[in-house]
Every structure is written in structure tokens, then in C-alpha cells.
C-alpha atoms as a PDB file:
ATOM      1  CA  MET A   1      72.639 364.927  37.483  1.00  0.00           C
ATOM      2  CA  LYS A   2      73.434 368.492  37.451  1.00  0.00           C
ATOM      3  CA  ASP A   3      70.395 369.331  39.702  1.00  0.00           C
ATOM      4  CA  CYS A   4      71.692 366.810  42.260  1.00  0.00           C
ATOM      5  CA  GLN A   5      75.106 368.346  42.303  1.00  0.00           C
ATOM      6  CA  THR A   6      73.583 371.824  42.780  1.00  0.00           C
ATOM      7  CA  PHE A   7      71.410 370.570  45.713  1.00  0.00           C
ATOM      8  CA  PHE A   8      74.460 368.885  47.266  1.00  0.00           C
ATOM      9  CA  THR A   9      76.798 371.890  46.961  1.00  0.00           C
ATOM     10  CA  TRP A  10      73.886 374.129  48.366  1.00  0.00           C
ATOM     11  CA  PHE A  11      74.752 372.534  51.791  1.00  0.00           C
ATOM     12  CA  PRO A  12      77.396 374.099  53.843  1.00  0.00           C
ATOM     13  CA  ALA A  13      80.689 372.173  53.758  1.00  0.00           C
ATOM     14  CA  GLY A  14      80.461 371.415  57.488  1.00  0.00           C
ATOM     15  CA  ALA A  15      77.012 369.765  56.972  1.00  0.00           C
ATOM     16  CA  ARG A  16      78.204 367.852  53.923  1.00  0.00           C
ATOM     17  CA  TYR A  17      81.153 366.364  55.854  1.00  0.00           C
ATOM     18  CA  MET A  18      78.938 365.394  58.817  1.00  0.00           C
ATOM     19  CA  LEU A  19      76.384 363.652  56.444  1.00  0.00           C
ATOM     20  CA  LEU A  20      79.293 361.901  54.797  1.00  0.00           C
ATOM     21  CA  SER A  21      80.465 360.830  58.276  1.00  0.00           C
ATOM     22  CA  ALA A  22      76.961 359.526  59.232  1.00  0.00           C
ATOM     23  CA  LEU A  23      76.660 357.558  56.033  1.00  0.00           C
ATOM     24  CA  ALA A  24      80.167 356.042  56.543  1.00  0.00           C
ATOM     25  CA  PHE A  25      79.416 355.024  60.185  1.00  0.00           C
ATOM     26  CA  ALA A  26      76.105 353.528  59.080  1.00  0.00           C
ATOM     27  CA  LEU A  27      77.827 351.367  56.597  1.00  0.00           C
ATOM     28  CA  MET A  28      80.327 350.510  59.288  1.00  0.00           C
ATOM     29  CA  GLY A  29      77.460 349.399  61.413  1.00  0.00           C
ATOM     30  CA  VAL A  30      76.209 347.176  58.473  1.00  0.00           C
ATOM     31  CA  PHE A  31      79.616 345.371  58.294  1.00  0.00           C
ATOM     32  CA  VAL A  32      79.785 345.063  62.066  1.00  0.00           C
ATOM     33  CA  LYS A  33      76.481 343.256  62.068  1.00  0.00           C
ATOM     34  CA  LEU A  34      77.595 341.057  59.262  1.00  0.00           C
ATOM     35  CA  ALA A  35      80.852 340.308  61.170  1.00  0.00           C
ATOM     36  CA  GLY A  36      78.860 339.234  64.187  1.00  0.00           C
ATOM     37  CA  GLN A  37      76.801 336.942  61.965  1.00  0.00           C
ATOM     38  CA  GLN A  38      80.062 335.310  60.968  1.00  0.00           C
ATOM     39  CA  GLY A  39      80.677 334.496  64.660  1.00  0.00           C
ATOM     40  CA  ILE A  40      83.549 337.012  65.202  1.00  0.00           C
ATOM     41  CA  PRO A  41      83.794 338.383  68.747  1.00  0.00           C
ATOM     42  CA  VAL A  42      82.906 342.003  69.330  1.00  0.00           C
ATOM     43  CA  LEU A  43      86.360 342.833  70.664  1.00  0.00           C
ATOM     44  CA  GLU A  44      87.948 341.282  67.739  1.00  0.00           C
ATOM     45  CA  ILE A  45      85.943 343.372  65.382  1.00  0.00           C
ATOM     46  CA  ILE A  46      86.977 346.391  67.302  1.00  0.00           C
ATOM     47  CA  ALA A  47      90.644 345.359  67.250  1.00  0.00           C
ATOM     48  CA  ALA A  48      90.543 344.774  63.524  1.00  0.00           C
ATOM     49  CA  ARG A  49      88.823 348.195  62.964  1.00  0.00           C
ATOM     50  CA  ALA A  50      91.636 349.804  65.019  1.00  0.00           C
ATOM     51  CA  ALA A  51      94.383 348.054  63.277  1.00  0.00           C
ATOM     52  CA  ILE A  52      93.164 349.039  59.739  1.00  0.00           C
ATOM     53  CA  SER A  53      92.559 352.571  60.896  1.00  0.00           C
ATOM     54  CA  LEU A  54      96.085 352.755  62.402  1.00  0.00           C
ATOM     55  CA  VAL A  55      97.701 351.713  59.101  1.00  0.00           C
ATOM     56  CA  LEU A  56      95.490 353.952  57.063  1.00  0.00           C
ATOM     57  CA  SER A  57      95.912 356.951  59.444  1.00  0.00           C
ATOM     58  CA  TYR A  58      99.709 356.592  59.499  1.00  0.00           C
ATOM     59  CA  TRP A  59      99.834 356.410  55.747  1.00  0.00           C
ATOM     60  CA  GLN A  60      97.778 359.611  55.494  1.00  0.00           C
ATOM     61  CA  VAL A  61      99.978 361.317  58.088  1.00  0.00           C
ATOM     62  CA  ARG A  62     103.265 360.407  56.287  1.00  0.00           C
ATOM     63  CA  ARG A  63     101.894 361.190  52.814  1.00  0.00           C
ATOM     64  CA  ARG A  64     101.264 364.739  53.835  1.00  0.00           C
ATOM     65  CA  ASN A  65     104.683 364.961  55.541  1.00  0.00           C
ATOM     66  CA  LEU A  66     103.215 365.557  58.935  1.00  0.00           C
ATOM     67  CA  SER A  67     104.455 364.563  62.297  1.00  0.00           C
ATOM     68  CA  PRO A  68     102.252 361.729  63.604  1.00  0.00           C
ATOM     69  CA  TRP A  69     102.756 362.809  67.160  1.00  0.00           C
ATOM     70  CA  GLY A  70     101.151 366.292  66.827  1.00  0.00           C
ATOM     71  CA  ASN A  71     101.493 369.347  69.151  1.00  0.00           C
ATOM     72  CA  ARG A  72      99.139 368.716  72.002  1.00  0.00           C
ATOM     73  CA  LYS A  73     100.120 365.163  72.774  1.00  0.00           C
ATOM     74  CA  ASP A  74      98.259 365.270  76.245  1.00  0.00           C
ATOM     75  CA  LEU A  75      94.925 366.205  74.523  1.00  0.00           C
ATOM     76  CA  LEU A  76      95.574 363.810  71.692  1.00  0.00           C
ATOM     77  CA  LEU A  77      96.093 360.913  74.041  1.00  0.00           C
ATOM     78  CA  MET A  78      93.085 361.908  76.002  1.00  0.00           C
ATOM     79  CA  ARG A  79      90.986 361.974  72.799  1.00  0.00           C
ATOM     80  CA  GLY A  80      92.250 358.422  71.937  1.00  0.00           C
ATOM     81  CA  LEU A  81      91.520 357.103  75.535  1.00  0.00           C
ATOM     82  CA  VAL A  82      88.128 358.761  75.769  1.00  0.00           C
ATOM     83  CA  GLY A  83      87.194 357.463  72.305  1.00  0.00           C
ATOM     84  CA  PHE A  84      88.208 353.873  73.267  1.00  0.00           C
ATOM     85  CA  LEU A  85      86.360 353.883  76.583  1.00  0.00           C
ATOM     86  CA  SER A  86      83.275 355.431  74.970  1.00  0.00           C
ATOM     87  CA  LEU A  87      83.271 352.846  72.154  1.00  0.00           C
ATOM     88  CA  THR A  88      83.689 350.027  74.652  1.00  0.00           C
ATOM     89  CA  ALA A  89      80.764 351.377  76.879  1.00  0.00           C
ATOM     90  CA  VAL A  90      78.517 351.777  73.801  1.00  0.00           C
ATOM     91  CA  TYR A  91      79.225 348.110  72.732  1.00  0.00           C
ATOM     92  CA  TYR A  92      78.612 346.881  76.202  1.00  0.00           C
ATOM     93  CA  ALA A  93      75.157 348.553  76.365  1.00  0.00           C
ATOM     94  CA  LEU A  94      74.232 347.128  72.981  1.00  0.00           C
ATOM     95  CA  VAL A  95      75.103 343.721  74.224  1.00  0.00           C
ATOM     96  CA  HIS A  96      73.584 343.896  77.515  1.00  0.00           C
ATOM     97  CA  LEU A  97      70.401 346.069  76.903  1.00  0.00           C
ATOM     98  CA  PRO A  98      67.523 345.731  74.407  1.00  0.00           C
ATOM     99  CA  PHE A  99      68.392 347.380  71.156  1.00  0.00           C
ATOM    100  CA  ALA A 100      65.939 350.082  71.454  1.00  0.00           C
ATOM    101  CA  GLU A 101      66.958 351.370  74.837  1.00  0.00           C
ATOM    102  CA  ALA A 102      70.619 351.096  74.021  1.00  0.00           C
ATOM    103  CA  THR A 103      70.076 353.112  70.786  1.00  0.00           C
ATOM    104  CA  VAL A 104      68.451 355.949  72.745  1.00  0.00           C
ATOM    105  CA  LEU A 105      71.216 356.002  75.254  1.00  0.00           C
ATOM    106  CA  GLN A 106      73.855 356.069  72.425  1.00  0.00           C
ATOM    107  CA  TYR A 107      72.183 359.015  70.817  1.00  0.00           C
ATOM    108  CA  LEU A 108      72.216 361.182  73.994  1.00  0.00           C
ATOM    109  CA  HIS A 109      75.696 362.361  72.951  1.00  0.00           C
ATOM    110  CA  PRO A 110      74.758 365.506  71.058  1.00  0.00           C
ATOM    111  CA  MET A 111      73.187 366.783  74.242  1.00  0.00           C
ATOM    112  CA  PHE A 112      76.448 366.122  76.230  1.00  0.00           C
ATOM    113  CA  THR A 113      78.470 367.624  73.355  1.00  0.00           C
ATOM    114  CA  ALA A 114      76.505 370.858  73.462  1.00  0.00           C
ATOM    115  CA  LEU A 115      76.823 371.027  77.272  1.00  0.00           C
ATOM    116  CA  LEU A 116      80.583 370.279  77.105  1.00  0.00           C
ATOM    117  CA  ALA A 117      81.142 372.741  74.346  1.00  0.00           C
ATOM    118  CA  LEU A 118      79.570 375.383  76.552  1.00  0.00           C
ATOM    119  CA  LEU A 119      81.729 374.521  79.515  1.00  0.00           C
ATOM    120  CA  LEU A 120      85.027 373.801  77.805  1.00  0.00           C
ATOM    121  CA  LEU A 121      84.858 375.872  74.539  1.00  0.00           C
ATOM    122  CA  SER A 122      82.489 378.602  75.614  1.00  0.00           C
ATOM    123  CA  GLU A 123      80.456 377.727  72.558  1.00  0.00           C
ATOM    124  CA  ARG A 124      76.794 378.708  73.213  1.00  0.00           C
ATOM    125  CA  PRO A 125      74.387 376.498  71.254  1.00  0.00           C
ATOM    126  CA  THR A 126      71.914 378.435  69.027  1.00  0.00           C
ATOM    127  CA  ARG A 127      68.237 378.044  69.452  1.00  0.00           C
ATOM    128  CA  ALA A 128      68.240 376.124  66.149  1.00  0.00           C
ATOM    129  CA  THR A 129      70.807 373.636  67.519  1.00  0.00           C
ATOM    130  CA  VAL A 130      68.622 373.195  70.667  1.00  0.00           C
ATOM    131  CA  LEU A 131      65.433 372.722  68.619  1.00  0.00           C
ATOM    132  CA  CYS A 132      67.306 370.287  66.287  1.00  0.00           C
ATOM    133  CA  ILE A 133      68.524 368.192  69.072  1.00  0.00           C
ATOM    134  CA  GLY A 134      65.031 368.239  70.837  1.00  0.00           C
ATOM    135  CA  LEU A 135      63.262 367.290  67.590  1.00  0.00           C
ATOM    136  CA  SER A 136      65.775 364.560  66.800  1.00  0.00           C
ATOM    137  CA  PHE A 137      65.635 363.054  70.276  1.00  0.00           C
ATOM    138  CA  VAL A 138      61.806 362.871  70.105  1.00  0.00           C
ATOM    139  CA  GLY A 139      62.166 361.266  66.711  1.00  0.00           C
ATOM    140  CA  LEU A 140      64.457 358.605  68.057  1.00  0.00           C
ATOM    141  CA  ILE A 141      62.071 357.809  70.993  1.00  0.00           C
ATOM    142  CA  ILE A 142      59.184 357.306  68.525  1.00  0.00           C
ATOM    143  CA  MET A 143      61.311 355.272  66.213  1.00  0.00           C
ATOM    144  CA  VAL A 144      62.088 352.781  69.011  1.00  0.00           C
ATOM    145  CA  ARG A 145      58.521 352.642  70.168  1.00  0.00           C
ATOM    146  CA  PRO A 146      58.011 354.354  73.552  1.00  0.00           C
ATOM    147  CA  GLY A 147      55.731 351.704  74.784  1.00  0.00           C
ATOM    148  CA  SER A 148      58.713 349.287  75.002  1.00  0.00           C
ATOM    149  CA  PHE A 149      60.962 351.966  76.458  1.00  0.00           C
ATOM    150  CA  PHE A 150      58.688 353.038  79.305  1.00  0.00           C
ATOM    151  CA  GLY A 151      56.960 349.667  79.792  1.00  0.00           C
ATOM    152  CA  PRO A 152      57.657 346.925  82.347  1.00  0.00           C
ATOM    153  CA  ALA A 153      61.236 346.378  80.902  1.00  0.00           C
ATOM    154  CA  TRP A 154      62.157 349.935  81.955  1.00  0.00           C
ATOM    155  CA  GLU A 155      60.538 349.541  85.376  1.00  0.00           C
ATOM    156  CA  GLY A 156      62.321 346.417  86.621  1.00  0.00           C
ATOM    157  CA  GLN A 157      64.114 344.298  83.919  1.00  0.00           C
ATOM    158  CA  LEU A 158      66.801 346.580  82.675  1.00  0.00           C
ATOM    159  CA  ASN A 159      70.312 346.086  83.917  1.00  0.00           C
ATOM    160  CA  SER A 160      70.866 349.221  85.801  1.00  0.00           C
ATOM    161  CA  VAL A 161      74.678 348.855  85.546  1.00  0.00           C
ATOM    162  CA  ALA A 162      74.386 348.630  81.724  1.00  0.00           C
ATOM    163  CA  VAL A 163      72.136 351.657  81.657  1.00  0.00           C
ATOM    164  CA  MET A 164      74.742 353.712  83.626  1.00  0.00           C
ATOM    165  CA  ILE A 165      77.525 352.326  81.290  1.00  0.00           C
ATOM    166  CA  GLY A 166      75.362 353.312  78.227  1.00  0.00           C
ATOM    167  CA  VAL A 167      74.925 356.827  79.552  1.00  0.00           C
ATOM    168  CA  ALA A 168      78.681 357.028  80.249  1.00  0.00           C
ATOM    169  CA  GLY A 169      79.294 355.988  76.585  1.00  0.00           C
ATOM    170  CA  ALA A 170      77.169 358.799  75.391  1.00  0.00           C
ATOM    171  CA  PHE A 171      78.906 361.248  77.733  1.00  0.00           C
ATOM    172  CA  GLY A 172      82.283 359.859  76.406  1.00  0.00           C
ATOM    173  CA  SER A 173      81.216 360.414  72.809  1.00  0.00           C
ATOM    174  CA  GLY A 174      80.303 363.999  73.581  1.00  0.00           C
ATOM    175  CA  LEU A 175      83.615 364.591  75.396  1.00  0.00           C
ATOM    176  CA  ALA A 176      85.532 363.039  72.385  1.00  0.00           C
ATOM    177  CA  TYR A 177      83.626 365.324  69.938  1.00  0.00           C
ATOM    178  CA  THR A 178      84.439 368.306  72.108  1.00  0.00           C
ATOM    179  CA  LEU A 179      88.159 367.287  72.286  1.00  0.00           C
ATOM    180  CA  VAL A 180      88.258 366.979  68.437  1.00  0.00           C
ATOM    181  CA  ARG A 181      86.788 370.562  68.132  1.00  0.00           C
ATOM    182  CA  LYS A 182      89.453 371.832  70.509  1.00  0.00           C
ATOM    183  CA  LEU A 183      92.287 369.995  68.901  1.00  0.00           C
ATOM    184  CA  SER A 184      91.219 371.245  65.377  1.00  0.00           C
ATOM    185  CA  ALA A 185      92.749 374.586  66.260  1.00  0.00           C
ATOM    186  CA  THR A 186      96.212 373.148  66.618  1.00  0.00           C
ATOM    187  CA  GLU A 187      96.270 369.732  64.839  1.00  0.00           C
ATOM    188  CA  ASP A 188      95.701 368.341  61.398  1.00  0.00           C
ATOM    189  CA  ALA A 189      92.747 366.176  61.060  1.00  0.00           C
ATOM    190  CA  ALA A 190      94.775 363.115  60.052  1.00  0.00           C
ATOM    191  CA  VAL A 191      96.896 363.425  63.204  1.00  0.00           C
ATOM    192  CA  ILE A 192      93.731 363.567  65.340  1.00  0.00           C
ATOM    193  CA  VAL A 193      92.328 360.493  63.654  1.00  0.00           C
ATOM    194  CA  PHE A 194      95.659 358.623  64.012  1.00  0.00           C
ATOM    195  CA  TYR A 195      95.592 358.911  67.814  1.00  0.00           C
ATOM    196  CA  PHE A 196      92.417 356.951  68.253  1.00  0.00           C
ATOM    197  CA  PRO A 197      93.522 353.582  66.779  1.00  0.00           C
ATOM    198  CA  LEU A 198      96.995 354.272  68.310  1.00  0.00           C
ATOM    199  CA  VAL A 199      95.332 353.958  71.761  1.00  0.00           C
ATOM    200  CA  CYS A 200      92.354 351.689  70.935  1.00  0.00           C
ATOM    201  CA  LEU A 201      94.389 348.825  69.373  1.00  0.00           C
ATOM    202  CA  PRO A 202      96.713 347.967  72.280  1.00  0.00           C
ATOM    203  CA  ALA A 203      93.873 348.396  74.885  1.00  0.00           C
ATOM    204  CA  THR A 204      91.516 346.213  72.903  1.00  0.00           C
ATOM    205  CA  LEU A 205      94.119 343.415  72.386  1.00  0.00           C
ATOM    206  CA  VAL A 206      94.847 343.256  76.048  1.00  0.00           C
ATOM    207  CA  LEU A 207      91.170 342.777  76.771  1.00  0.00           C
ATOM    208  CA  LEU A 208      90.661 340.331  73.912  1.00  0.00           C
ATOM    209  CA  GLY A 209      93.302 337.846  75.280  1.00  0.00           C
ATOM    210  CA  ASP A 210      92.992 334.433  73.677  1.00  0.00           C
ATOM    211  CA  GLY A 211      89.413 334.989  72.762  1.00  0.00           C
ATOM    212  CA  ALA A 212      90.081 335.678  69.017  1.00  0.00           C
ATOM    213  CA  VAL A 213      88.906 333.402  66.295  1.00  0.00           C
ATOM    214  CA  MET A 214      90.198 332.815  62.793  1.00  0.00           C
ATOM    215  CA  PRO A 215      87.755 334.529  60.275  1.00  0.00           C
ATOM    216  CA  SER A 216      86.917 333.023  57.034  1.00  0.00           C
ATOM    217  CA  PRO A 217      87.718 334.878  53.748  1.00  0.00           C
ATOM    218  CA  ALA A 218      84.454 336.406  53.760  1.00  0.00           C
ATOM    219  CA  GLY A 219      84.965 337.511  57.384  1.00  0.00           C
ATOM    220  CA  TRP A 220      88.377 339.048  56.650  1.00  0.00           C
ATOM    221  CA  LEU A 221      86.736 341.162  53.803  1.00  0.00           C
ATOM    222  CA  ILE A 222      84.047 342.309  56.085  1.00  0.00           C
ATOM    223  CA  LEU A 223      86.491 343.223  58.804  1.00  0.00           C
ATOM    224  CA  LEU A 224      88.439 345.262  56.026  1.00  0.00           C
ATOM    225  CA  MET A 225      85.279 347.146  55.229  1.00  0.00           C
ATOM    226  CA  VAL A 226      84.685 347.906  58.915  1.00  0.00           C
ATOM    227  CA  GLY A 227      88.010 349.587  59.021  1.00  0.00           C
ATOM    228  CA  LEU A 228      87.645 351.437  55.742  1.00  0.00           C
ATOM    229  CA  CYS A 229      84.167 352.816  56.617  1.00  0.00           C
ATOM    230  CA  THR A 230      85.591 353.808  59.962  1.00  0.00           C
ATOM    231  CA  GLN A 231      88.352 355.801  58.532  1.00  0.00           C
ATOM    232  CA  ILE A 232      86.088 357.628  56.168  1.00  0.00           C
ATOM    233  CA  GLY A 233      83.802 358.404  58.855  1.00  0.00           C
ATOM    234  CA  GLN A 234      86.426 359.599  61.310  1.00  0.00           C
ATOM    235  CA  LEU A 235      88.013 361.886  58.853  1.00  0.00           C
ATOM    236  CA  ALA A 236      84.742 363.352  57.586  1.00  0.00           C
ATOM    237  CA  LEU A 237      83.701 363.954  61.305  1.00  0.00           C
ATOM    238  CA  THR A 238      87.022 365.603  62.024  1.00  0.00           C
ATOM    239  CA  GLN A 239      86.706 367.967  59.054  1.00  0.00           C
ATOM    240  CA  ALA A 240      83.090 368.754  59.951  1.00  0.00           C
ATOM    241  CA  MET A 241      84.095 369.757  63.540  1.00  0.00           C
ATOM    242  CA  ARG A 242      86.703 371.979  62.020  1.00  0.00           C
ATOM    243  CA  LEU A 243      84.207 373.861  60.008  1.00  0.00           C
ATOM    244  CA  GLU A 244      81.281 374.007  62.476  1.00  0.00           C
ATOM    245  CA  THR A 245      80.717 374.506  66.144  1.00  0.00           C
ATOM    246  CA  ALA A 246      80.776 371.200  68.099  1.00  0.00           C
ATOM    247  CA  SER A 247      77.070 371.259  69.044  1.00  0.00           C
ATOM    248  CA  ARG A 248      75.885 372.244  65.583  1.00  0.00           C
ATOM    249  CA  ALA A 249      78.054 369.767  63.697  1.00  0.00           C
ATOM    250  CA  VAL A 250      77.217 366.766  65.995  1.00  0.00           C
ATOM    251  CA  SER A 251      73.492 367.467  65.685  1.00  0.00           C
ATOM    252  CA  PHE A 252      73.705 366.251  62.044  1.00  0.00           C
ATOM    253  CA  SER A 253      74.907 362.847  63.270  1.00  0.00           C
ATOM    254  CA  TYR A 254      71.282 361.960  63.842  1.00  0.00           C
ATOM    255  CA  SER A 255      71.017 361.412  60.037  1.00  0.00           C
ATOM    256  CA  GLN A 256      72.867 358.245  60.638  1.00  0.00           C
ATOM    257  CA  VAL A 257      69.720 356.696  61.957  1.00  0.00           C
ATOM    258  CA  VAL A 258      67.952 357.505  58.715  1.00  0.00           C
ATOM    259  CA  PHE A 259      70.778 356.028  56.665  1.00  0.00           C
ATOM    260  CA  ALA A 260      70.808 352.840  58.978  1.00  0.00           C
ATOM    261  CA  MET A 261      66.984 352.527  58.377  1.00  0.00           C
ATOM    262  CA  VAL A 262      67.544 352.493  54.560  1.00  0.00           C
ATOM    263  CA  LEU A 263      70.386 350.199  54.759  1.00  0.00           C
ATOM    264  CA  GLY A 264      68.434 347.772  56.990  1.00  0.00           C
ATOM    265  CA  ILE A 265      65.883 347.574  54.138  1.00  0.00           C
ATOM    266  CA  LEU A 266      68.439 347.020  51.435  1.00  0.00           C
ATOM    267  CA  VAL A 267      70.746 344.655  53.164  1.00  0.00           C
ATOM    268  CA  PHE A 268      68.815 342.859  55.903  1.00  0.00           C
ATOM    269  CA  ASP A 269      65.283 343.099  54.445  1.00  0.00           C
ATOM    270  CA  GLU A 270      64.127 344.904  57.685  1.00  0.00           C
ATOM    271  CA  ILE A 271      60.944 346.798  56.704  1.00  0.00           C
ATOM    272  CA  PRO A 272      60.472 349.656  59.243  1.00  0.00           C
ATOM    273  CA  VAL A 273      57.130 350.029  60.918  1.00  0.00           C
ATOM    274  CA  PHE A 274      54.859 353.165  60.699  1.00  0.00           C
ATOM    275  CA  TRP A 275      56.489 354.794  63.778  1.00  0.00           C
ATOM    276  CA  THR A 276      59.919 354.432  62.291  1.00  0.00           C
ATOM    277  CA  TYR A 277      58.877 356.842  59.415  1.00  0.00           C
ATOM    278  CA  ILE A 278      57.342 359.246  61.824  1.00  0.00           C
ATOM    279  CA  GLY A 279      60.574 359.374  63.819  1.00  0.00           C
ATOM    280  CA  ALA A 280      62.792 359.709  60.855  1.00  0.00           C
ATOM    281  CA  THR A 281      60.672 362.649  59.558  1.00  0.00           C
ATOM    282  CA  LEU A 282      61.209 364.557  62.879  1.00  0.00           C
ATOM    283  CA  ILE A 283      65.085 363.785  62.671  1.00  0.00           C
ATOM    284  CA  VAL A 284      65.132 365.201  59.164  1.00  0.00           C
ATOM    285  CA  MET A 285      63.108 368.141  60.172  1.00  0.00           C
ATOM    286  CA  GLY A 286      65.493 368.814  62.997  1.00  0.00           C
ATOM    287  CA  ALA A 287      68.503 368.798  60.638  1.00  0.00           C
ATOM    288  CA  LEU A 288      66.857 371.133  58.183  1.00  0.00           C
ATOM    289  CA  VAL A 289      65.915 373.570  61.087  1.00  0.00           C
ATOM    290  CA  ASN A 290      69.610 373.488  62.160  1.00  0.00           C
ATOM    291  CA  LEU A 291      70.707 374.130  58.575  1.00  0.00           C
ATOM    292  CA  LEU A 292      68.361 376.889  57.590  1.00  0.00           C
ATOM    293  CA  TRP A 293      67.713 378.902  60.825  1.00  0.00           C
ATOM    294  CA  ARG A 294      70.714 381.282  60.901  1.00  0.00           C
ATOM    295  CA  ARG A 295      71.264 384.363  62.928  1.00  0.00           C
ATOM    296  CA  PRO A 296      71.960 387.613  61.163  1.00  0.00           C
ATOM    297  CA  GLN A 297      75.723 387.966  60.483  1.00  0.00           C
ATOM    298  CA  ARG A 298      77.579 391.213  60.560  1.00  0.00           C
ATOM    299  CA  PRO A 299      80.327 392.001  57.989  1.00  0.00           C
ATOM    300  CA  VAL A 300      83.849 390.647  58.426  1.00  0.00           C
ATOM    301  CA  ASN A 301      86.384 393.275  59.747  1.00  0.00           C
ATOM    302  CA  THR A 302      89.155 392.356  57.220  1.00  0.00           C
ATOM    303  CA  LYS A 303      91.700 394.657  58.767  1.00  0.00           C
ATOM    304  CA  ALA A 304      91.262 393.137  62.316  1.00  0.00           C
ATOM    305  CA  GLY A 305      90.694 389.553  60.915  1.00  0.00           C
ATOM    306  CA  GLU A 306      87.418 389.452  62.779  1.00  0.00           C
ATOM    307  CA  MET A 307      85.038 386.633  61.741  1.00  0.00           C
ATOM    308  CA  PRO A 308      81.241 386.949  61.796  1.00  0.00           C
ATOM    309  CA  PRO A 309      79.530 385.633  65.056  1.00  0.00           C
ATOM    310  CA  ARG A 310      78.367 381.998  65.052  1.00  0.00           C
END
């Protein structure tokens, strides 16, 4: 037990928070899938997730005696709107595209994050981060079996509108992560998280209209778990972005695929094929490269308050 604790604390805090976020979002995906099996519409799942997150986020803000409205209301509202649009686009792609292709499109967001962080935050991704993203993306392609990705379905059967929306969802995720990084300089993590459901809930209810159904008791419990896992994932993600550069922190999000693979075996009895293990190995290799490959640091100038280069 002590060895496990030592191994865990060996990871930098930013990496630990990002891994926790990835696990929470993987569990959220499990409950979303279970909710779908209960016959609950996707928009209703999103609305329930937002409602639970809104209550928990507001409680967290008030418990810490913070103003829920923050300092940069413009950027906070933009983060909430971008997050809602991105989530809607990702779900649209998942519904209208084969799962393999939609998954690849969804996990393009670290590349967009690195680019946006460079353009908006002047954060130059390190060679380790670039290599991590490259290894992870290749691993994802292998996991979803490239023959199906580049075969006849890619040539003529995919819905081009859904592909464009899926790419837009990945871009929106990258923009949302970059905004979180920028907001972390002036806002508390709880306030940043609060704004996402604050924008998402009314927008989702308008789109849902009268299409809602009454869940069973088991369905209500599943929806509650969707919200709880989302809250944990959002808070851990925000803390990770506070402690790491945007591109470096988000590169660890690929570990969510590995968590999802394990949960698929345990919960849905989905045994991965050989190529899934190869892809997962590349993803883990990418995360380790990003973690262990560091540039030499110069000492901190304590008089000037200068921090080592990142």
C-alpha cells in the first residue's frame, strides 16, 4: 500500500489531477451509456448532468465564500457557451457517425489546444508534448482499426456535415481548455466550473422541448452519477490546467481511452481486440514521454519572483 502511495505521489500534481479528471469522465461515459440503455434521450442526459453540476458548483462556490459571478464575466460566459456548443457537437457526431470515426474526431482536441495555446496564450508546446500528442493520436487510430477508418465508409458513406461538426466539437474543446487556462489566472476553479452548467442547462432545456421522458428509479440514480462524475472531472481538469500549461495538461486526457477500455471490460463485458492493446500501449508511452522528458530548469530568482521556464 505504501509503495502505491509513493508511486502516485511521484507524479506531478498537474498530471495527477488530469488522470483523475480522465477517470471521472470515463466513468461519466459509462453512466451516459447506461442512461441511453434506459431509453433516456441524449439531450435529457445533458440537461440532468448540467442541473446536478449547477447545484454542486453553486454549493462549492458559496461554501468557500466566493462570488459566483467571478471577475472576467465575458470570458466566463464564453467558456460556458463554447463548452455547451462543443458538447453538443461531440454528441451529434457520436450519434450520426460510426463510433470509431467519431472517437478519432473527438480526440483531435489536444492538437487544437496546443495551437490555440500558442496563438492566444503564447505557450510554445515542448517537443515532449508534440511527441506525446503524435504517439497518442497514432495509438487512437490503431485502437479504432484504421481499415474501417480509411475504407469505403470514409470514401463515400460518411455524413460530411457530421464530420465537420465533429471537427468543430474537437476545436471547441480545445478552445474551452485554453479559456480555462487563461481564466485560471484570475478566477477560482469553482467559479470557472460553475459557469459551464449555468450556460448549458437553459440552452439544453430550450432544445429539448417536450421530448423529455420520466426516468425509472434506476434511471434517476444513473443520471445522478453522470452529474457527480462530471463535477469531479471538471474540478480536477480545472486544477490541472492551473498547474500545467494547456497543451501539456490536456495531452494526459488520452488516458481516458485506457480507462474506458478497462471499464468496458468490467461493466459491459467488451473484450478489446489485439489492436486495442497496441494502441493503448502507444497512448501510455506518450503520457510517460510527456511526464519524464523535461527541459533543464534554471534556478528561481526569489528576489524578482521569477519562475523557472516551462
